[in-house]
Amino acid sequence: YALTIGELAQFFSTENHINAQLHVIPMKNWHRNYFFESTGSRWVPPSPNLRTLKGAILYPGLEILQNAGVSVGRGTETPFEEIGAPWINGEE
């Protein structure tokens, strides 16, 4: 959606006629085309299984595969960066 969380809150408030009294503080030295690495910020894992930025990016798409019996790498060194199941042949 390409919005900051503050911009998203303002959008929902306006579109849903909530008219919340929001005060969004703009970030300094930030540009819309920045990806996390461009910010110079330190990565802080939001969960023990989301250790890397790559895992956090892949998480929304891979998490849903668990319902199909696919392992998403929990318990490995790279959770959410690899998948596996007895019926998946990685060589094919």
Protein backbone atom coordinates (compact mmCIF):
# COMPACT_ATOMS: atom_id res chain seq x y z
CA TYR A 1 0.00 0.00 0.00
CA ALA A 2 3.08 2.23 0.11
CA LEU A 3 1.94 4.28 3.10
CA THR A 4 3.53 4.83 6.47
CA ILE A 5 1.47 3.55 9.38
CA GLY A 6 0.53 7.16 10.19
CA GLU A 7 -0.62 7.82 6.63
CA LEU A 8 -2.62 4.59 6.71
CA ALA A 9 -4.31 5.65 9.96
CA GLN A 10 -5.24 9.00 8.41
CA PHE A 11 -6.57 7.25 5.30
CA PHE A 12 -8.77 4.85 7.31
CA SER A 13 -10.03 7.67 9.50
CA THR A 14 -11.05 9.73 6.47
CA GLU A 15 -12.39 6.93 4.28
CA ASN A 16 -14.42 5.34 7.07
CA HIS A 17 -15.71 8.71 8.33
CA ILE A 18 -14.23 8.06 11.76
CA ASN A 19 -12.69 11.52 11.92
CA ALA A 20 -10.26 10.52 14.64
CA GLN A 21 -8.13 13.33 16.02
CA LEU A 22 -4.79 12.05 14.72
CA HIS A 23 -1.50 13.85 14.95
CA VAL A 24 1.02 12.16 12.68
CA ILE A 25 4.61 13.27 13.14
CA PRO A 26 6.54 13.15 9.84
CA MET A 27 9.79 11.19 9.89
CA LYS A 28 12.96 13.16 9.33
CA ASN A 29 15.39 12.12 6.59
CA TRP A 30 12.96 9.59 5.13
CA HIS A 31 11.90 9.28 1.51
CA ARG A 32 9.04 7.25 0.09
CA ASN A 33 11.35 5.21 -2.15
CA TYR A 34 13.41 4.00 0.84
CA PHE A 35 13.50 0.36 1.73
CA PHE A 36 14.45 -0.58 5.29
CA GLU A 37 18.18 -0.87 4.54
CA SER A 38 18.16 2.71 3.23
CA THR A 39 17.03 4.12 6.57
CA GLY A 40 20.22 3.28 8.47
CA SER A 41 18.03 1.88 11.27
CA ARG A 42 18.99 -1.25 13.17
CA TRP A 43 16.81 -4.32 12.53
CA VAL A 44 15.05 -5.43 15.72
CA PRO A 45 13.37 -8.83 15.30
CA PRO A 46 9.64 -8.52 16.11
CA SER A 47 9.50 -12.25 16.91
CA PRO A 48 12.00 -15.04 17.67
CA ASN A 49 11.10 -16.60 14.31
CA LEU A 50 11.37 -13.37 12.34
CA ARG A 51 15.09 -12.92 12.76
CA THR A 52 15.82 -11.20 9.47
CA LEU A 53 14.27 -8.57 7.25
CA LYS A 54 14.08 -11.15 4.45
CA GLY A 55 12.07 -13.48 6.71
CA ALA A 56 9.72 -10.65 7.69
CA ILE A 57 9.11 -9.82 4.03
CA LEU A 58 8.41 -13.45 3.13
CA TYR A 59 6.32 -14.17 6.25
CA PRO A 60 2.87 -13.04 4.97
CA GLY A 61 3.08 -15.21 1.88
CA LEU A 62 4.68 -18.26 3.48
CA GLU A 63 2.66 -18.37 6.70
CA ILE A 64 -0.49 -19.30 4.78
CA LEU A 65 1.28 -22.39 3.38
CA GLN A 66 1.32 -23.99 6.82
CA ASN A 67 -2.38 -24.82 6.39
CA ALA A 68 -1.40 -26.87 3.35
CA GLY A 69 1.04 -28.97 5.37
CA VAL A 70 4.15 -27.07 4.32
CA SER A 71 6.90 -26.40 6.84
CA VAL A 72 8.05 -22.79 6.73
CA GLY A 73 11.36 -23.45 8.43
CA ARG A 74 10.45 -22.87 12.07
CA GLY A 75 13.17 -24.42 14.21
CA THR A 76 15.82 -23.90 11.53
CA GLU A 77 18.45 -21.18 11.23
CA THR A 78 16.37 -19.49 8.52
CA PRO A 79 12.68 -19.55 9.46
CA PHE A 80 10.37 -18.14 6.77
CA GLU A 81 13.22 -18.18 4.26
CA GLU A 82 12.78 -21.82 3.22
CA ILE A 83 9.92 -24.27 2.87
CA GLY A 84 9.59 -28.02 2.82
CA ALA A 85 7.15 -30.91 2.84
CA PRO A 86 7.51 -34.65 2.20
CA TRP A 87 5.69 -34.24 -1.12
CA ILE A 88 7.84 -31.33 -2.37
CA ASN A 89 10.81 -32.40 -4.48
CA GLY A 90 13.22 -29.48 -4.61
CA GLU A 91 15.08 -30.97 -7.54
CA GLU A 92 12.07 -30.90 -9.86
